[in-house]
Amino acid sequence: MNYLKEKDLLDIEQNVRLFSVDEIEDISHYLFDSKIEEYNEFLKKAKLFSNLNISKTFLLVHKYTDELIAYMTLSADSIKLTTEEKDMHEIGKVPYASIAALKIGKLAVNKGLSDIVKRKGYGSFMLDLARAYAFEMNKLGIACRFITVDADIEYDENTPEFYKKNGFVENLSNRSRNASHTISMRKDIFSDD
């Protein structure tokens, strides 16, 4: 399922550039305020985590205003599914306890964007990019079936709804140890739902 319409995707694609945090000399060049201090602070450490191969962070920058619109952090993951969950994804006969996945560790959108850049859809666009990276992993010979995320409900209880409208479902067998702060969710990259 793609929450954004093709016209919206094309509009965003024409107006943005995607960078790895490794390509940016000084991240403090960009003003970024997600209104969540934990996410703002993480961005300052993203290059260190990338250098240590803990996570890779990608920055979405507006081509014309040079504003940092959003960032997303990705890392390798695996997910355990119940028999019912495996059946839902037509992988019920897979004998493995863990299935390969790509984890979205952090996803944040700048709330301080100029009127020229302000619009809805950047978060959904970043999810589409994560899905594209998952397909690229498969092309490179690295299995990846799901995108996973721990939807942060500590700061906004509606966060799972954002992921649901983008095709994610709650992981029943992988309830977070931090259930009061996050909800474990997944998206089958091969599903059109």
N, C-alpha and C. Protein backbone atom coordinates (compact mmCIF):
# COMPACT_ATOMS: atom_id res chain seq x y z
N MET A 1 0.84 -1.17 0.00
CA MET A 1 0.00 0.00 0.00
C MET A 1 0.88 1.23 0.00
N ASN A 2 0.57 2.14 -0.86
CA ASN A 2 1.30 3.38 -0.90
C ASN A 2 0.34 4.50 -0.52
N TYR A 3 0.58 5.10 0.62
CA TYR A 3 -0.31 6.14 1.12
C TYR A 3 -0.29 7.36 0.19
N LEU A 4 0.87 7.69 -0.34
CA LEU A 4 1.00 8.84 -1.23
C LEU A 4 0.54 8.48 -2.64
N LYS A 5 -0.11 9.40 -3.28
CA LYS A 5 -0.48 9.22 -4.68
C LYS A 5 0.75 9.45 -5.55
N GLU A 6 0.74 8.89 -6.75
CA GLU A 6 1.89 9.00 -7.64
C GLU A 6 2.27 10.46 -7.89
N LYS A 7 1.29 11.33 -8.04
CA LYS A 7 1.56 12.76 -8.25
C LYS A 7 2.31 13.36 -7.06
N ASP A 8 1.89 12.98 -5.84
CA ASP A 8 2.56 13.48 -4.63
C ASP A 8 4.01 12.99 -4.57
N LEU A 9 4.22 11.71 -4.91
CA LEU A 9 5.57 11.15 -4.92
C LEU A 9 6.46 11.89 -5.91
N LEU A 10 5.94 12.12 -7.11
CA LEU A 10 6.73 12.82 -8.13
C LEU A 10 7.05 14.25 -7.70
N ASP A 11 6.08 14.91 -7.09
CA ASP A 11 6.30 16.27 -6.62
C ASP A 11 7.42 16.32 -5.58
N ILE A 12 7.37 15.39 -4.64
CA ILE A 12 8.41 15.34 -3.62
C ILE A 12 9.76 15.01 -4.26
N GLU A 13 9.78 13.98 -5.11
CA GLU A 13 11.04 13.57 -5.75
C GLU A 13 11.71 14.70 -6.53
N GLN A 14 10.92 15.55 -7.16
CA GLN A 14 11.48 16.66 -7.95
C GLN A 14 12.06 17.76 -7.09
N ASN A 15 11.68 17.81 -5.82
CA ASN A 15 12.08 18.93 -4.98
C ASN A 15 13.04 18.58 -3.85
N VAL A 16 13.48 17.33 -3.79
CA VAL A 16 14.34 16.92 -2.69
C VAL A 16 15.60 16.22 -3.17
N ARG A 17 16.55 16.15 -2.27
CA ARG A 17 17.76 15.35 -2.46
C ARG A 17 17.90 14.46 -1.23
N LEU A 18 18.43 13.28 -1.42
CA LEU A 18 18.66 12.35 -0.32
C LEU A 18 20.16 12.20 -0.13
N PHE A 19 20.60 12.36 1.10
CA PHE A 19 22.01 12.23 1.44
C PHE A 19 22.18 11.22 2.56
N SER A 20 23.29 10.53 2.55
CA SER A 20 23.71 9.79 3.74
C SER A 20 24.34 10.81 4.68
N VAL A 21 24.19 10.60 5.96
CA VAL A 21 24.80 11.51 6.92
C VAL A 21 26.32 11.55 6.72
N ASP A 22 26.87 10.47 6.16
CA ASP A 22 28.32 10.41 5.90
C ASP A 22 28.77 11.43 4.85
N GLU A 23 27.85 11.87 4.01
CA GLU A 23 28.18 12.83 2.96
C GLU A 23 28.17 14.28 3.45
N ILE A 24 27.69 14.50 4.65
CA ILE A 24 27.54 15.85 5.20
C ILE A 24 28.72 16.15 6.10
N GLU A 25 29.41 17.22 5.82
CA GLU A 25 30.57 17.60 6.62
C GLU A 25 30.16 17.98 8.04
N ASP A 26 29.16 18.86 8.16
CA ASP A 26 28.76 19.37 9.47
C ASP A 26 27.24 19.39 9.55
N ILE A 27 26.68 18.47 10.31
CA ILE A 27 25.22 18.37 10.42
C ILE A 27 24.62 19.60 11.08
N SER A 28 25.39 20.31 11.88
CA SER A 28 24.86 21.50 12.55
C SER A 28 24.57 22.64 11.56
N HIS A 29 25.00 22.47 10.32
CA HIS A 29 24.66 23.42 9.25
C HIS A 29 23.15 23.52 9.07
N TYR A 30 22.45 22.41 9.36
CA TYR A 30 21.01 22.35 9.17
C TYR A 30 20.27 22.62 10.47
N LEU A 31 19.26 23.45 10.40
CA LEU A 31 18.36 23.65 11.52
C LEU A 31 17.32 22.54 11.47
N PHE A 32 17.13 21.87 12.58
CA PHE A 32 16.18 20.77 12.61
C PHE A 32 15.50 20.73 13.96
N ASP A 33 14.17 20.73 13.94
CA ASP A 33 13.42 20.64 15.18
C ASP A 33 12.18 19.78 14.95
N SER A 34 12.23 18.56 15.45
CA SER A 34 11.09 17.65 15.33
C SER A 34 10.08 17.87 16.44
N LYS A 35 10.41 18.76 17.36
CA LYS A 35 9.62 19.02 18.58
C LYS A 35 9.77 17.90 19.61
N ILE A 36 10.68 16.96 19.34
CA ILE A 36 10.99 15.89 20.29
C ILE A 36 12.50 15.93 20.51
N GLU A 37 12.92 16.32 21.70
CA GLU A 37 14.34 16.54 21.97
C GLU A 37 15.18 15.29 21.73
N GLU A 38 14.66 14.11 22.08
CA GLU A 38 15.41 12.87 21.86
C GLU A 38 15.77 12.69 20.39
N TYR A 39 14.85 13.02 19.49
CA TYR A 39 15.09 12.89 18.06
C TYR A 39 16.04 13.97 17.55
N ASN A 40 15.93 15.16 18.09
CA ASN A 40 16.85 16.23 17.71
C ASN A 40 18.28 15.89 18.14
N GLU A 41 18.42 15.37 19.35
CA GLU A 41 19.74 15.01 19.87
C GLU A 41 20.34 13.83 19.12
N PHE A 42 19.51 12.86 18.74
CA PHE A 42 20.01 11.71 18.00
C PHE A 42 20.70 12.15 16.72
N LEU A 43 20.11 13.11 16.04
CA LEU A 43 20.67 13.57 14.76
C LEU A 43 22.11 14.04 14.92
N LYS A 44 22.41 14.65 16.06
CA LYS A 44 23.77 15.14 16.31
C LYS A 44 24.77 14.00 16.44
N LYS A 45 24.30 12.79 16.80
CA LYS A 45 25.18 11.63 16.98
C LYS A 45 25.12 10.66 15.81
N ALA A 46 24.30 10.96 14.83
CA ALA A 46 24.07 10.02 13.73
C ALA A 46 25.34 9.66 12.98
N LYS A 47 26.22 10.62 12.78
CA LYS A 47 27.46 10.34 12.04
C LYS A 47 28.36 9.37 12.81
N LEU A 48 28.42 9.53 14.12
CA LEU A 48 29.19 8.61 14.96
C LEU A 48 28.65 7.20 14.83
N PHE A 49 27.32 7.03 14.93
CA PHE A 49 26.72 5.71 14.81
C PHE A 49 26.96 5.11 13.44
N SER A 50 26.99 5.95 12.42
CA SER A 50 27.27 5.48 11.07
C SER A 50 28.71 5.00 10.97
N ASN A 51 29.64 5.77 11.51
CA ASN A 51 31.06 5.39 11.48
C ASN A 51 31.31 4.07 12.21
N LEU A 52 30.51 3.81 13.25
CA LEU A 52 30.64 2.57 14.02
C LEU A 52 29.82 1.42 13.42
N ASN A 53 29.14 1.68 12.30
CA ASN A 53 28.28 0.70 11.64
C ASN A 53 27.19 0.16 12.57
N ILE A 54 26.64 1.05 13.37
CA ILE A 54 25.52 0.73 14.25
C ILE A 54 24.21 1.00 13.50
N SER A 55 24.16 2.12 12.82
CA SER A 55 22.99 2.49 12.02
C SER A 55 23.44 3.45 10.93
N LYS A 56 22.64 3.55 9.89
CA LYS A 56 22.91 4.48 8.79
C LYS A 56 21.75 5.47 8.72
N THR A 57 22.08 6.74 8.69
CA THR A 57 21.06 7.78 8.68
C THR A 57 21.04 8.47 7.33
N PHE A 58 19.83 8.70 6.84
CA PHE A 58 19.61 9.35 5.56
C PHE A 58 18.84 10.64 5.77
N LEU A 59 19.29 11.68 5.10
CA LEU A 59 18.72 13.02 5.25
C LEU A 59 17.98 13.41 3.98
N LEU A 60 16.79 13.95 4.13
CA LEU A 60 16.00 14.45 3.02
C LEU A 60 16.08 15.96 3.07
N VAL A 61 16.68 16.55 2.02
CA VAL A 61 16.95 17.99 1.99
C VAL A 61 16.22 18.60 0.79
N HIS A 62 15.61 19.75 1.01
CA HIS A 62 14.91 20.45 -0.08
C HIS A 62 15.96 21.03 -1.03
N LYS A 63 15.78 20.80 -2.33
CA LYS A 63 16.76 21.23 -3.34
C LYS A 63 16.95 22.73 -3.39
N TYR A 64 15.89 23.48 -3.19
CA TYR A 64 15.95 24.92 -3.45
C TYR A 64 16.14 25.75 -2.19
N THR A 65 15.62 25.29 -1.07
CA THR A 65 15.78 26.06 0.18
C THR A 65 16.91 25.52 1.05
N ASP A 66 17.41 24.34 0.73
CA ASP A 66 18.47 23.66 1.48
C ASP A 66 18.04 23.37 2.93
N GLU A 67 16.75 23.20 3.16
CA GLU A 67 16.25 22.86 4.49
C GLU A 67 16.28 21.34 4.67
N LEU A 68 16.68 20.92 5.85
CA LEU A 68 16.62 19.51 6.21
C LEU A 68 15.16 19.20 6.56
N ILE A 69 14.52 18.41 5.72
CA ILE A 69 13.10 18.12 5.85
C ILE A 69 12.85 17.00 6.84
N ALA A 70 13.63 15.93 6.72
CA ALA A 70 13.40 14.74 7.54
C ALA A 70 14.67 13.90 7.56
N TYR A 71 14.72 12.99 8.52
CA TYR A 71 15.79 12.00 8.51
C TYR A 71 15.22 10.65 8.92
N MET A 72 15.95 9.60 8.51
CA MET A 72 15.56 8.23 8.81
C MET A 72 16.83 7.43 9.06
N THR A 73 16.80 6.60 10.08
CA THR A 73 17.93 5.76 10.42
C THR A 73 17.56 4.31 10.19
N LEU A 74 18.42 3.58 9.49
CA LEU A 74 18.18 2.18 9.13
C LEU A 74 19.27 1.28 9.69
N SER A 75 18.89 0.05 10.01
CA SER A 75 19.86 -0.96 10.43
C SER A 75 19.27 -2.35 10.15
N ALA A 76 20.11 -3.36 10.22
CA ALA A 76 19.67 -4.73 10.01
C ALA A 76 18.81 -5.18 11.18
N ASP A 77 17.88 -6.09 10.90
CA ASP A 77 16.98 -6.57 11.94
C ASP A 77 16.49 -7.96 11.55
N SER A 78 15.82 -8.61 12.45
CA SER A 78 15.07 -9.82 12.16
C SER A 78 13.82 -9.79 13.02
N ILE A 79 12.83 -10.53 12.62
CA ILE A 79 11.56 -10.50 13.32
C ILE A 79 11.06 -11.92 13.53
N LYS A 80 10.50 -12.18 14.70
CA LYS A 80 9.86 -13.46 14.97
C LYS A 80 8.36 -13.27 14.79
N LEU A 81 7.75 -14.21 14.08
CA LEU A 81 6.32 -14.15 13.81
C LEU A 81 5.63 -15.38 14.35
N THR A 82 4.38 -15.22 14.77
CA THR A 82 3.58 -16.37 15.16
C THR A 82 3.24 -17.16 13.89
N THR A 83 2.75 -18.36 14.06
CA THR A 83 2.33 -19.17 12.92
C THR A 83 1.25 -18.44 12.13
N GLU A 84 0.32 -17.80 12.84
CA GLU A 84 -0.74 -17.05 12.17
C GLU A 84 -0.18 -15.87 11.38
N GLU A 85 0.79 -15.19 11.96
CA GLU A 85 1.40 -14.06 11.25
C GLU A 85 2.14 -14.54 10.00
N LYS A 86 2.84 -15.66 10.11
CA LYS A 86 3.53 -16.22 8.94
C LYS A 86 2.51 -16.58 7.85
N ASP A 87 1.41 -17.21 8.26
CA ASP A 87 0.37 -17.57 7.31
C ASP A 87 -0.20 -16.34 6.62
N MET A 88 -0.36 -15.26 7.36
CA MET A 88 -0.88 -14.01 6.80
C MET A 88 -0.01 -13.52 5.65
N HIS A 89 1.30 -13.75 5.75
CA HIS A 89 2.25 -13.30 4.73
C HIS A 89 2.64 -14.42 3.76
N GLU A 90 1.91 -15.54 3.84
CA GLU A 90 2.13 -16.68 2.95
C GLU A 90 3.54 -17.24 3.05
N ILE A 91 4.07 -17.24 4.29
CA ILE A 91 5.39 -17.83 4.54
C ILE A 91 5.29 -18.84 5.69
N GLY A 92 4.11 -19.42 5.85
CA GLY A 92 3.85 -20.33 6.96
C GLY A 92 4.73 -21.57 6.97
N LYS A 93 5.23 -21.97 5.82
CA LYS A 93 6.05 -23.18 5.74
C LYS A 93 7.52 -22.91 6.03
N VAL A 94 7.88 -21.65 6.24
CA VAL A 94 9.27 -21.31 6.55
C VAL A 94 9.57 -21.78 7.97
N PRO A 95 10.57 -22.67 8.14
CA PRO A 95 10.82 -23.24 9.46
C PRO A 95 11.64 -22.35 10.40
N TYR A 96 12.10 -21.22 9.93
CA TYR A 96 12.97 -20.37 10.74
C TYR A 96 12.18 -19.59 11.77
N ALA A 97 12.77 -19.40 12.92
CA ALA A 97 12.14 -18.60 13.97
C ALA A 97 12.21 -17.11 13.64
N SER A 98 13.30 -16.71 13.00
CA SER A 98 13.50 -15.30 12.67
C SER A 98 13.49 -15.08 11.17
N ILE A 99 12.86 -13.98 10.76
CA ILE A 99 12.77 -13.63 9.35
C ILE A 99 13.52 -12.30 9.16
N ALA A 100 14.28 -12.20 8.06
CA ALA A 100 15.12 -11.03 7.79
C ALA A 100 14.29 -9.76 7.60
N ALA A 101 14.81 -8.66 8.16
CA ALA A 101 14.10 -7.38 8.09
C ALA A 101 15.08 -6.21 8.07
N LEU A 102 14.54 -5.07 7.70
CA LEU A 102 15.26 -3.79 7.75
C LEU A 102 14.55 -2.94 8.79
N LYS A 103 15.29 -2.44 9.76
CA LYS A 103 14.71 -1.70 10.89
C LYS A 103 14.82 -0.20 10.66
N ILE A 104 13.70 0.48 10.84
CA ILE A 104 13.72 1.94 10.92
C ILE A 104 13.89 2.27 12.39
N GLY A 105 15.08 2.75 12.74
CA GLY A 105 15.36 3.07 14.14
C GLY A 105 14.79 4.40 14.56
N LYS A 106 14.94 5.39 13.72
CA LYS A 106 14.40 6.73 13.97
C LYS A 106 13.87 7.26 12.65
N LEU A 107 12.74 7.95 12.73
CA LEU A 107 12.17 8.67 11.59
C LEU A 107 11.60 9.95 12.16
N ALA A 108 12.09 11.08 11.69
CA ALA A 108 11.64 12.37 12.22
C ALA A 108 11.51 13.38 11.09
N VAL A 109 10.49 14.20 11.19
CA VAL A 109 10.24 15.27 10.22
C VAL A 109 10.41 16.60 10.92
N ASN A 110 11.07 17.52 10.24
CA ASN A 110 11.32 18.86 10.76
C ASN A 110 9.99 19.61 10.86
N LYS A 111 9.67 20.10 12.05
CA LYS A 111 8.43 20.85 12.25
C LYS A 111 8.63 22.34 12.00
N GLY A 112 9.87 22.77 11.76
CA GLY A 112 10.16 24.18 11.55
C GLY A 112 10.44 24.54 10.11
N LEU A 113 9.75 23.90 9.18
CA LEU A 113 9.99 24.14 7.76
C LEU A 113 9.36 25.46 7.30
N SER A 114 9.97 26.07 6.30
CA SER A 114 9.42 27.29 5.72
C SER A 114 8.12 26.98 5.00
N ASP A 115 7.34 28.01 4.71
CA ASP A 115 6.07 27.82 4.02
C ASP A 115 6.25 27.19 2.63
N ILE A 116 7.37 27.47 1.99
CA ILE A 116 7.64 26.91 0.66
C ILE A 116 7.74 25.38 0.73
N VAL A 117 8.33 24.89 1.79
CA VAL A 117 8.61 23.47 1.92
C VAL A 117 7.49 22.72 2.64
N LYS A 118 6.78 23.40 3.52
CA LYS A 118 5.75 22.74 4.32
C LYS A 118 4.75 22.02 3.44
N ARG A 119 4.52 20.79 3.79
CA ARG A 119 3.50 19.98 3.13
C ARG A 119 3.41 18.66 3.87
N LYS A 120 2.41 17.93 3.62
CA LYS A 120 2.30 16.61 4.23
C LYS A 120 2.85 15.57 3.27
N GLY A 121 3.33 14.49 3.83
CA GLY A 121 3.77 13.37 2.99
C GLY A 121 5.24 13.01 3.10
N TYR A 122 6.05 13.84 3.75
CA TYR A 122 7.48 13.53 3.82
C TYR A 122 7.76 12.26 4.61
N GLY A 123 7.04 12.05 5.71
CA GLY A 123 7.24 10.83 6.49
C GLY A 123 6.90 9.60 5.68
N SER A 124 5.77 9.65 4.96
CA SER A 124 5.38 8.53 4.10
C SER A 124 6.39 8.32 2.98
N PHE A 125 6.93 9.40 2.45
CA PHE A 125 7.96 9.32 1.42
C PHE A 125 9.19 8.59 1.96
N MET A 126 9.57 8.90 3.20
CA MET A 126 10.73 8.23 3.80
C MET A 126 10.46 6.73 3.94
N LEU A 127 9.23 6.35 4.27
CA LEU A 127 8.89 4.93 4.36
C LEU A 127 9.01 4.25 3.00
N ASP A 128 8.61 4.96 1.94
CA ASP A 128 8.78 4.42 0.59
C ASP A 128 10.26 4.23 0.27
N LEU A 129 11.09 5.14 0.73
CA LEU A 129 12.54 5.00 0.52
C LEU A 129 13.08 3.79 1.27
N ALA A 130 12.61 3.57 2.49
CA ALA A 130 13.05 2.40 3.26
C ALA A 130 12.68 1.12 2.51
N ARG A 131 11.50 1.09 1.96
CA ARG A 131 11.06 -0.08 1.18
C ARG A 131 11.97 -0.27 -0.04
N ALA A 132 12.33 0.82 -0.70
CA ALA A 132 13.24 0.74 -1.84
C ALA A 132 14.60 0.18 -1.42
N TYR A 133 15.09 0.60 -0.25
CA TYR A 133 16.36 0.06 0.25
C TYR A 133 16.23 -1.44 0.54
N ALA A 134 15.09 -1.87 1.06
CA ALA A 134 14.88 -3.29 1.33
C ALA A 134 14.93 -4.10 0.02
N PHE A 135 14.31 -3.57 -1.03
CA PHE A 135 14.37 -4.25 -2.33
C PHE A 135 15.81 -4.28 -2.86
N GLU A 136 16.55 -3.20 -2.65
CA GLU A 136 17.95 -3.17 -3.08
C GLU A 136 18.78 -4.22 -2.34
N MET A 137 18.50 -4.39 -1.06
CA MET A 137 19.21 -5.43 -0.31
C MET A 137 18.99 -6.79 -0.96
N ASN A 138 17.75 -7.08 -1.34
CA ASN A 138 17.45 -8.35 -2.00
C ASN A 138 18.21 -8.49 -3.31
N LYS A 139 18.30 -7.40 -4.07
CA LYS A 139 19.04 -7.44 -5.34
C LYS A 139 20.53 -7.72 -5.11
N LEU A 140 21.04 -7.24 -3.97
CA LEU A 140 22.45 -7.45 -3.64
C LEU A 140 22.72 -8.84 -3.08
N GLY A 141 21.65 -9.61 -2.88
CA GLY A 141 21.81 -10.96 -2.35
C GLY A 141 21.69 -11.05 -0.84
N ILE A 142 21.15 -10.01 -0.21
CA ILE A 142 20.95 -10.00 1.23
C ILE A 142 19.44 -10.07 1.47
N ALA A 143 18.96 -11.17 2.00
CA ALA A 143 17.52 -11.37 2.17
C ALA A 143 16.91 -10.33 3.09
N CYS A 144 15.75 -9.84 2.67
CA CYS A 144 14.99 -8.89 3.48
C CYS A 144 13.53 -9.02 3.09
N ARG A 145 12.68 -9.35 4.04
CA ARG A 145 11.26 -9.55 3.75
C ARG A 145 10.39 -8.44 4.36
N PHE A 146 10.84 -7.89 5.49
CA PHE A 146 10.02 -6.93 6.21
C PHE A 146 10.78 -5.64 6.52
N ILE A 147 10.01 -4.60 6.72
CA ILE A 147 10.51 -3.38 7.34
C ILE A 147 9.89 -3.38 8.73
N THR A 148 10.71 -3.14 9.74
CA THR A 148 10.21 -3.10 11.11
C THR A 148 10.42 -1.72 11.71
N VAL A 149 9.61 -1.42 12.69
CA VAL A 149 9.73 -0.15 13.40
C VAL A 149 9.11 -0.31 14.78
N ASP A 150 9.67 0.36 15.75
CA ASP A 150 9.04 0.46 17.06
C ASP A 150 8.37 1.82 17.09
N ALA A 151 7.07 1.83 16.82
CA ALA A 151 6.31 3.08 16.76
C ALA A 151 6.32 3.73 18.14
N ASP A 152 6.86 4.92 18.20
CA ASP A 152 7.06 5.63 19.46
C ASP A 152 5.76 6.27 19.93
N ILE A 153 5.19 5.72 21.00
CA ILE A 153 3.95 6.28 21.54
C ILE A 153 4.21 7.12 22.79
N GLU A 154 5.47 7.23 23.18
CA GLU A 154 5.80 8.03 24.37
C GLU A 154 5.48 9.50 24.13
N TYR A 155 5.73 9.98 22.91
CA TYR A 155 5.54 11.39 22.60
C TYR A 155 4.24 11.67 21.85
N ASP A 156 3.74 10.65 21.15
CA ASP A 156 2.50 10.82 20.38
C ASP A 156 1.81 9.47 20.28
N GLU A 157 0.68 9.32 20.93
CA GLU A 157 -0.02 8.04 20.93
C GLU A 157 -0.61 7.68 19.57
N ASN A 158 -0.63 8.63 18.64
CA ASN A 158 -1.17 8.39 17.30
C ASN A 158 -0.12 7.90 16.31
N THR A 159 1.12 7.76 16.74
CA THR A 159 2.19 7.32 15.84
C THR A 159 1.86 6.00 15.14
N PRO A 160 1.31 4.99 15.84
CA PRO A 160 0.98 3.75 15.13
C PRO A 160 0.00 3.96 13.98
N GLU A 161 -0.88 4.94 14.08
CA GLU A 161 -1.83 5.21 13.00
C GLU A 161 -1.11 5.67 11.72
N PHE A 162 -0.06 6.46 11.89
CA PHE A 162 0.75 6.89 10.75
C PHE A 162 1.31 5.66 10.03
N TYR A 163 1.86 4.73 10.79
CA TYR A 163 2.43 3.53 10.18
C TYR A 163 1.34 2.64 9.58
N LYS A 164 0.21 2.53 10.25
CA LYS A 164 -0.89 1.70 9.72
C LYS A 164 -1.38 2.24 8.38
N LYS A 165 -1.50 3.55 8.24
CA LYS A 165 -1.98 4.09 6.96
C LYS A 165 -0.95 3.87 5.85
N ASN A 166 0.27 3.53 6.24
CA ASN A 166 1.33 3.22 5.27
C ASN A 166 1.57 1.71 5.15
N GLY A 167 0.60 0.90 5.61
CA GLY A 167 0.66 -0.54 5.39
C GLY A 167 1.32 -1.38 6.46
N PHE A 168 1.66 -0.79 7.60
CA PHE A 168 2.28 -1.54 8.69
C PHE A 168 1.20 -2.18 9.56
N VAL A 169 1.54 -3.30 10.19
CA VAL A 169 0.66 -3.95 11.15
C VAL A 169 1.44 -4.20 12.43
N GLU A 170 0.71 -4.33 13.52
CA GLU A 170 1.36 -4.59 14.81
C GLU A 170 1.89 -6.01 14.85
N ASN A 171 3.05 -6.19 15.46
CA ASN A 171 3.64 -7.51 15.65
C ASN A 171 3.07 -8.11 16.92
N LEU A 172 2.30 -9.16 16.76
CA LEU A 172 1.68 -9.78 17.93
C LEU A 172 2.68 -10.61 18.71
N SER A 173 3.61 -11.24 18.00
CA SER A 173 4.58 -12.11 18.67
C SER A 173 5.81 -11.36 19.16
N ASN A 174 5.89 -10.12 18.85
CA ASN A 174 7.10 -9.36 19.18
C ASN A 174 6.73 -8.12 19.98
N ARG A 175 5.89 -8.29 20.96
CA ARG A 175 5.49 -7.16 21.79
C ARG A 175 6.74 -6.58 22.44
N SER A 176 6.83 -5.31 22.34
CA SER A 176 8.02 -4.60 22.85
C SER A 176 8.14 -4.76 24.36
N ARG A 177 9.38 -4.89 24.80
CA ARG A 177 9.64 -4.88 26.24
C ARG A 177 9.35 -3.50 26.80
N ASN A 178 9.26 -2.54 25.91
CA ASN A 178 8.99 -1.15 26.29
C ASN A 178 7.57 -0.77 25.88
N ALA A 179 6.61 -1.66 26.09
CA ALA A 179 5.26 -1.49 25.57
C ALA A 179 4.61 -0.17 25.95
N SER A 180 5.05 0.45 27.03
CA SER A 180 4.46 1.73 27.40
C SER A 180 5.04 2.87 26.57
N HIS A 181 6.14 2.62 25.84
CA HIS A 181 6.80 3.64 25.03
C HIS A 181 6.70 3.39 23.53
N THR A 182 6.67 2.11 23.13
CA THR A 182 6.67 1.78 21.70
C THR A 182 5.74 0.60 21.41
N ILE A 183 5.35 0.51 20.15
CA ILE A 183 4.59 -0.63 19.65
C ILE A 183 5.37 -1.19 18.46
N SER A 184 5.72 -2.46 18.54
CA SER A 184 6.47 -3.12 17.47
C SER A 184 5.55 -3.34 16.27
N MET A 185 6.02 -2.89 15.08
CA MET A 185 5.21 -2.99 13.87
C MET A 185 6.07 -3.49 12.71
N ARG A 186 5.39 -3.98 11.65
CA ARG A 186 6.11 -4.49 10.49
C ARG A 186 5.31 -4.21 9.22
N LYS A 187 6.05 -4.23 8.11
CA LYS A 187 5.43 -4.14 6.79
C LYS A 187 6.13 -5.16 5.89
N ASP A 188 5.34 -5.99 5.24
CA ASP A 188 5.85 -6.96 4.27
C ASP A 188 6.15 -6.17 2.99
N ILE A 189 7.40 -6.14 2.57
CA ILE A 189 7.76 -5.29 1.43
C ILE A 189 7.14 -5.80 0.12
N PHE A 190 6.69 -7.05 0.11
CA PHE A 190 6.09 -7.61 -1.09
C PHE A 190 4.57 -7.49 -1.11
N SER A 191 4.01 -6.90 -0.08
CA SER A 191 2.56 -6.75 0.02
C SER A 191 2.12 -5.41 -0.57
N ASP A 192 0.98 -5.43 -1.23
CA ASP A 192 0.41 -4.21 -1.77
C ASP A 192 -0.55 -3.57 -0.77
N ASP A 193 -0.73 -4.19 0.38
CA ASP A 193 -1.65 -3.65 1.40
C ASP A 193 -1.10 -2.41 2.04
